[in-house]
N, C-alpha and C. Protein backbone atom coordinates (compact mmCIF):
# COMPACT_ATOMS: atom_id res chain seq x y z
N MET A 1 0.85 -1.18 0.00
CA MET A 1 0.00 0.00 0.00
C MET A 1 0.89 1.23 0.00
N ALA A 2 0.49 2.23 -0.75
CA ALA A 2 1.24 3.47 -0.75
C ALA A 2 1.31 4.00 0.67
N SER A 3 2.49 4.46 1.07
CA SER A 3 2.70 4.83 2.48
C SER A 3 1.83 5.99 2.93
N HIS A 4 1.35 6.80 2.03
CA HIS A 4 0.53 7.95 2.43
C HIS A 4 -0.97 7.66 2.35
N ILE A 5 -1.35 6.39 2.12
CA ILE A 5 -2.76 6.01 2.04
C ILE A 5 -3.07 4.99 3.12
N SER A 6 -4.16 5.23 3.85
CA SER A 6 -4.63 4.23 4.81
C SER A 6 -6.09 3.91 4.48
N ILE A 7 -6.45 2.64 4.69
CA ILE A 7 -7.82 2.18 4.46
C ILE A 7 -8.26 1.44 5.71
N GLN A 8 -9.44 1.81 6.22
CA GLN A 8 -9.96 1.12 7.38
C GLN A 8 -11.44 0.86 7.23
N SER A 9 -11.90 -0.23 7.81
CA SER A 9 -13.32 -0.54 7.81
C SER A 9 -14.03 0.42 8.74
N SER A 10 -15.26 0.74 8.38
CA SER A 10 -16.07 1.62 9.22
C SER A 10 -17.42 0.98 9.47
N SER A 11 -17.86 1.01 10.72
CA SER A 11 -19.20 0.51 11.04
C SER A 11 -20.18 1.66 11.26
N ALA A 12 -19.72 2.89 11.05
CA ALA A 12 -20.63 4.04 11.14
C ALA A 12 -21.66 3.93 10.02
N ARG A 13 -22.84 4.46 10.26
CA ARG A 13 -23.84 4.49 9.19
C ARG A 13 -23.52 5.71 8.32
N VAL A 14 -23.30 5.44 7.05
CA VAL A 14 -22.95 6.50 6.11
C VAL A 14 -24.01 6.52 5.01
N ARG A 15 -24.59 7.71 4.80
CA ARG A 15 -25.62 7.89 3.76
C ARG A 15 -25.16 8.95 2.78
N VAL A 16 -25.57 8.76 1.54
CA VAL A 16 -25.37 9.77 0.51
C VAL A 16 -26.74 10.17 0.00
N ARG A 17 -26.98 11.48 -0.02
CA ARG A 17 -28.24 12.01 -0.55
C ARG A 17 -27.94 12.96 -1.70
N VAL A 18 -28.82 12.93 -2.68
CA VAL A 18 -28.84 13.94 -3.73
C VAL A 18 -30.23 14.52 -3.67
N GLU A 19 -30.29 15.80 -3.38
CA GLU A 19 -31.55 16.44 -3.02
C GLU A 19 -32.07 15.67 -1.80
N GLU A 20 -33.27 15.15 -1.84
CA GLU A 20 -33.79 14.39 -0.70
C GLU A 20 -33.74 12.88 -0.92
N ILE A 21 -33.16 12.46 -2.01
CA ILE A 21 -33.15 11.04 -2.37
C ILE A 21 -31.89 10.38 -1.83
N VAL A 22 -32.07 9.28 -1.09
CA VAL A 22 -30.94 8.51 -0.59
C VAL A 22 -30.42 7.65 -1.73
N VAL A 23 -29.15 7.85 -2.08
CA VAL A 23 -28.53 7.12 -3.17
C VAL A 23 -27.69 5.96 -2.63
N ALA A 24 -27.17 6.12 -1.42
CA ALA A 24 -26.37 5.06 -0.79
C ALA A 24 -26.61 5.10 0.72
N ASP A 25 -26.59 3.93 1.35
CA ASP A 25 -26.81 3.82 2.80
C ASP A 25 -26.10 2.55 3.26
N SER A 26 -25.08 2.71 4.12
CA SER A 26 -24.28 1.55 4.48
C SER A 26 -23.72 1.66 5.90
N ARG A 27 -23.51 0.51 6.51
CA ARG A 27 -22.74 0.39 7.76
C ARG A 27 -21.49 -0.44 7.50
N ASN A 28 -21.10 -0.51 6.22
CA ASN A 28 -19.98 -1.38 5.85
C ASN A 28 -19.07 -0.69 4.83
N THR A 29 -18.77 0.59 5.05
CA THR A 29 -17.90 1.30 4.12
C THR A 29 -16.44 1.09 4.49
N ARG A 30 -15.58 1.45 3.57
CA ARG A 30 -14.14 1.52 3.82
C ARG A 30 -13.77 2.99 3.75
N LEU A 31 -13.07 3.46 4.76
CA LEU A 31 -12.65 4.85 4.81
C LEU A 31 -11.21 4.93 4.32
N LEU A 32 -11.00 5.67 3.23
CA LEU A 32 -9.67 5.84 2.65
C LEU A 32 -9.18 7.24 2.96
N VAL A 33 -8.01 7.33 3.54
CA VAL A 33 -7.37 8.61 3.83
C VAL A 33 -6.08 8.64 3.03
N GLU A 34 -5.93 9.70 2.22
CA GLU A 34 -4.77 9.81 1.34
C GLU A 34 -4.15 11.20 1.48
N GLY A 35 -3.03 11.25 2.19
CA GLY A 35 -2.30 12.50 2.34
C GLY A 35 -3.19 13.62 2.83
N ASN A 36 -3.15 14.76 2.13
CA ASN A 36 -3.94 15.94 2.50
C ASN A 36 -5.31 15.98 1.84
N LEU A 37 -5.66 14.94 1.09
CA LEU A 37 -6.97 14.90 0.43
C LEU A 37 -8.07 14.61 1.45
N PRO A 38 -9.31 15.00 1.14
CA PRO A 38 -10.41 14.69 2.07
C PRO A 38 -10.57 13.17 2.22
N PRO A 39 -10.89 12.68 3.41
CA PRO A 39 -11.19 11.24 3.58
C PRO A 39 -12.38 10.87 2.70
N ARG A 40 -12.37 9.66 2.18
CA ARG A 40 -13.44 9.20 1.30
C ARG A 40 -14.00 7.87 1.78
N HIS A 41 -15.33 7.76 1.76
CA HIS A 41 -16.02 6.52 2.10
C HIS A 41 -16.28 5.74 0.80
N TYR A 42 -15.86 4.49 0.77
CA TYR A 42 -16.09 3.60 -0.36
C TYR A 42 -17.19 2.61 0.04
N PHE A 43 -18.24 2.55 -0.78
CA PHE A 43 -19.45 1.77 -0.48
C PHE A 43 -19.50 0.46 -1.25
N PRO A 44 -19.96 -0.61 -0.58
CA PRO A 44 -20.26 -1.84 -1.34
C PRO A 44 -21.44 -1.56 -2.29
N ARG A 45 -21.41 -2.16 -3.45
CA ARG A 45 -22.47 -1.91 -4.44
C ARG A 45 -23.86 -2.26 -3.95
N GLU A 46 -23.95 -3.28 -3.10
CA GLU A 46 -25.28 -3.67 -2.62
C GLU A 46 -25.90 -2.61 -1.73
N ASP A 47 -25.11 -1.63 -1.29
CA ASP A 47 -25.63 -0.54 -0.46
C ASP A 47 -25.84 0.75 -1.24
N VAL A 48 -25.74 0.67 -2.57
CA VAL A 48 -25.92 1.82 -3.45
C VAL A 48 -27.09 1.52 -4.38
N LYS A 49 -27.95 2.50 -4.61
CA LYS A 49 -29.07 2.32 -5.54
C LYS A 49 -28.52 2.47 -6.96
N MET A 50 -28.02 1.36 -7.48
CA MET A 50 -27.35 1.35 -8.78
C MET A 50 -28.28 1.81 -9.91
N GLU A 51 -29.59 1.65 -9.72
CA GLU A 51 -30.54 2.06 -10.75
C GLU A 51 -30.57 3.58 -10.94
N LEU A 52 -30.01 4.32 -9.97
CA LEU A 52 -29.94 5.77 -10.09
C LEU A 52 -28.63 6.25 -10.72
N LEU A 53 -27.76 5.31 -11.05
CA LEU A 53 -26.46 5.66 -11.64
C LEU A 53 -26.43 5.31 -13.12
N ALA A 54 -25.80 6.18 -13.89
CA ALA A 54 -25.60 5.94 -15.32
C ALA A 54 -24.11 5.89 -15.60
N PRO A 55 -23.62 4.80 -16.22
CA PRO A 55 -22.18 4.71 -16.50
C PRO A 55 -21.71 5.84 -17.40
N SER A 56 -20.52 6.27 -17.16
CA SER A 56 -19.89 7.34 -17.93
C SER A 56 -18.75 6.75 -18.75
N GLU A 57 -18.29 7.49 -19.73
CA GLU A 57 -17.12 7.09 -20.51
C GLU A 57 -15.84 7.53 -19.82
N SER A 58 -15.94 8.34 -18.77
CA SER A 58 -14.75 8.92 -18.12
C SER A 58 -13.92 7.86 -17.41
N VAL A 59 -12.61 8.01 -17.55
CA VAL A 59 -11.64 7.17 -16.84
C VAL A 59 -10.49 8.09 -16.44
N THR A 60 -10.02 7.95 -15.19
CA THR A 60 -8.84 8.69 -14.75
C THR A 60 -7.84 7.69 -14.20
N HIS A 61 -6.60 8.12 -14.11
CA HIS A 61 -5.55 7.25 -13.59
C HIS A 61 -4.91 7.88 -12.36
N CYS A 62 -4.79 7.10 -11.30
CA CYS A 62 -4.07 7.50 -10.10
C CYS A 62 -2.85 6.60 -10.00
N PRO A 63 -1.66 7.18 -9.85
CA PRO A 63 -0.46 6.35 -9.78
C PRO A 63 -0.41 5.45 -8.54
N HIS A 64 -1.24 5.76 -7.53
CA HIS A 64 -1.23 4.99 -6.28
C HIS A 64 -2.36 3.96 -6.19
N LYS A 65 -3.44 4.17 -6.98
CA LYS A 65 -4.60 3.29 -6.90
C LYS A 65 -4.92 2.58 -8.21
N GLY A 66 -4.62 3.19 -9.33
CA GLY A 66 -4.91 2.59 -10.63
C GLY A 66 -5.92 3.42 -11.41
N ASP A 67 -6.66 2.76 -12.32
CA ASP A 67 -7.63 3.43 -13.17
C ASP A 67 -9.01 3.42 -12.52
N ALA A 68 -9.65 4.59 -12.51
CA ALA A 68 -11.01 4.72 -11.97
C ALA A 68 -11.98 4.95 -13.11
N ARG A 69 -13.12 4.27 -13.05
CA ARG A 69 -14.21 4.56 -13.99
C ARG A 69 -15.32 5.26 -13.23
N TYR A 70 -16.18 5.96 -13.95
CA TYR A 70 -17.14 6.88 -13.34
C TYR A 70 -18.58 6.58 -13.72
N TRP A 71 -19.48 7.08 -12.87
CA TRP A 71 -20.92 7.06 -13.09
C TRP A 71 -21.46 8.45 -12.77
N SER A 72 -22.58 8.76 -13.39
CA SER A 72 -23.31 9.98 -13.07
C SER A 72 -24.57 9.58 -12.31
N VAL A 73 -25.05 10.46 -11.44
CA VAL A 73 -26.32 10.24 -10.77
C VAL A 73 -27.38 10.86 -11.65
N ASP A 74 -28.41 10.08 -11.98
CA ASP A 74 -29.47 10.53 -12.87
C ASP A 74 -30.81 10.45 -12.14
N LEU A 75 -31.32 11.61 -11.73
CA LEU A 75 -32.58 11.65 -10.98
C LEU A 75 -33.72 12.20 -11.83
N LYS A 76 -33.63 12.04 -13.14
CA LYS A 76 -34.69 12.50 -14.06
C LYS A 76 -35.01 13.97 -13.79
N GLY A 77 -34.13 14.80 -14.21
CA GLY A 77 -34.32 16.24 -14.02
C GLY A 77 -33.19 16.86 -13.24
N HIS A 78 -32.46 16.05 -12.52
CA HIS A 78 -31.29 16.54 -11.78
C HIS A 78 -30.18 15.52 -11.97
N GLU A 79 -29.19 15.91 -12.75
CA GLU A 79 -28.08 14.99 -13.02
C GLU A 79 -26.78 15.56 -12.47
N LEU A 80 -25.96 14.69 -11.93
CA LEU A 80 -24.62 15.04 -11.47
C LEU A 80 -23.65 14.18 -12.26
N ASP A 81 -22.91 14.80 -13.15
CA ASP A 81 -22.00 14.06 -14.01
C ASP A 81 -20.75 13.61 -13.27
N ASP A 82 -20.35 12.38 -13.49
CA ASP A 82 -19.09 11.82 -12.98
C ASP A 82 -18.89 12.08 -11.48
N VAL A 83 -19.93 11.85 -10.70
CA VAL A 83 -19.87 12.11 -9.26
C VAL A 83 -19.54 10.85 -8.45
N VAL A 84 -19.54 9.69 -9.11
CA VAL A 84 -19.27 8.41 -8.47
C VAL A 84 -18.13 7.74 -9.23
N TRP A 85 -17.21 7.12 -8.49
CA TRP A 85 -16.13 6.40 -9.16
C TRP A 85 -15.82 5.10 -8.45
N SER A 86 -15.12 4.23 -9.18
CA SER A 86 -14.71 2.94 -8.64
C SER A 86 -13.41 2.51 -9.29
N TYR A 87 -12.58 1.87 -8.51
CA TYR A 87 -11.38 1.21 -9.03
C TYR A 87 -11.75 -0.26 -9.19
N GLU A 88 -12.15 -0.63 -10.40
CA GLU A 88 -12.60 -1.99 -10.66
C GLU A 88 -11.46 -2.99 -10.50
N GLU A 89 -10.30 -2.64 -10.99
CA GLU A 89 -9.11 -3.47 -10.89
C GLU A 89 -7.95 -2.60 -10.42
N PRO A 90 -7.95 -2.25 -9.13
CA PRO A 90 -6.91 -1.35 -8.63
C PRO A 90 -5.54 -2.02 -8.61
N LEU A 91 -4.54 -1.23 -8.33
CA LEU A 91 -3.21 -1.78 -8.13
C LEU A 91 -3.27 -2.79 -6.98
N PRO A 92 -2.41 -3.80 -6.98
CA PRO A 92 -2.50 -4.87 -5.97
C PRO A 92 -2.53 -4.37 -4.52
N GLU A 93 -1.82 -3.32 -4.21
CA GLU A 93 -1.82 -2.84 -2.82
C GLU A 93 -3.10 -2.10 -2.43
N MET A 94 -4.01 -1.90 -3.38
CA MET A 94 -5.29 -1.23 -3.10
C MET A 94 -6.48 -2.16 -3.26
N VAL A 95 -6.25 -3.46 -3.22
CA VAL A 95 -7.29 -4.45 -3.46
C VAL A 95 -8.49 -4.27 -2.50
N GLU A 96 -8.28 -3.68 -1.34
CA GLU A 96 -9.38 -3.48 -0.37
C GLU A 96 -10.51 -2.61 -0.90
N ILE A 97 -10.24 -1.78 -1.91
CA ILE A 97 -11.31 -0.93 -2.45
C ILE A 97 -11.80 -1.40 -3.82
N ALA A 98 -11.34 -2.55 -4.28
CA ALA A 98 -11.74 -3.06 -5.59
C ALA A 98 -13.25 -3.16 -5.71
N GLY A 99 -13.81 -2.52 -6.73
CA GLY A 99 -15.24 -2.62 -7.01
C GLY A 99 -16.13 -1.80 -6.11
N LEU A 100 -15.59 -1.17 -5.07
CA LEU A 100 -16.40 -0.32 -4.20
C LEU A 100 -16.64 1.03 -4.87
N LEU A 101 -17.72 1.70 -4.48
CA LEU A 101 -18.09 2.97 -5.09
C LEU A 101 -17.87 4.13 -4.12
N CYS A 102 -17.38 5.23 -4.66
CA CYS A 102 -17.11 6.41 -3.86
C CYS A 102 -17.76 7.62 -4.52
N PHE A 103 -18.22 8.56 -3.70
CA PHE A 103 -18.92 9.76 -4.17
C PHE A 103 -18.09 11.00 -3.88
N TYR A 104 -18.15 11.98 -4.78
CA TYR A 104 -17.56 13.28 -4.49
C TYR A 104 -18.42 13.95 -3.43
N ASP A 105 -17.94 13.96 -2.19
CA ASP A 105 -18.70 14.54 -1.08
C ASP A 105 -19.06 16.00 -1.34
N GLU A 106 -18.24 16.69 -2.12
CA GLU A 106 -18.47 18.10 -2.40
C GLU A 106 -19.71 18.33 -3.26
N GLN A 107 -20.21 17.28 -3.91
CA GLN A 107 -21.35 17.43 -4.82
C GLN A 107 -22.61 16.74 -4.32
N VAL A 108 -22.52 15.99 -3.25
CA VAL A 108 -23.67 15.30 -2.67
C VAL A 108 -23.71 15.65 -1.19
N THR A 109 -24.74 15.21 -0.51
CA THR A 109 -24.81 15.36 0.94
C THR A 109 -24.39 14.04 1.56
N LEU A 110 -23.31 14.08 2.33
CA LEU A 110 -22.80 12.89 3.01
C LEU A 110 -23.15 13.01 4.49
N GLU A 111 -23.81 11.98 5.03
CA GLU A 111 -24.19 11.96 6.44
C GLU A 111 -23.50 10.78 7.11
N VAL A 112 -22.80 11.02 8.20
CA VAL A 112 -22.11 9.98 8.93
C VAL A 112 -22.64 9.96 10.36
N GLU A 113 -23.18 8.80 10.79
CA GLU A 113 -23.68 8.61 12.15
C GLU A 113 -22.87 7.51 12.81
N ASP A 114 -22.37 7.76 14.00
CA ASP A 114 -21.62 6.71 14.72
C ASP A 114 -22.53 5.67 15.32
């Protein structure tokens, strides 16, 4: 694992809302902390309303995690482009987040309850 990245399991209840709609709700996220970047919660797919997501063509590369693919949230009238990402096949040292979904907290409402 890259020395500046830590990943830990979280049992806190973490919800993602777009407007008033709950898009994700989990007590089984992984919290990734990377250097000075904001901490990010990675959600298991079964805790995300995948029917509200539309796959994007966007792909980015992180030298520490690998290639990320993106989804947009589509609420029929309110869309957020490329607001969700996943490392489907991350670098070997990041296997703990493989296939999990993460949201740009700056564009959604993230609620964390202990």
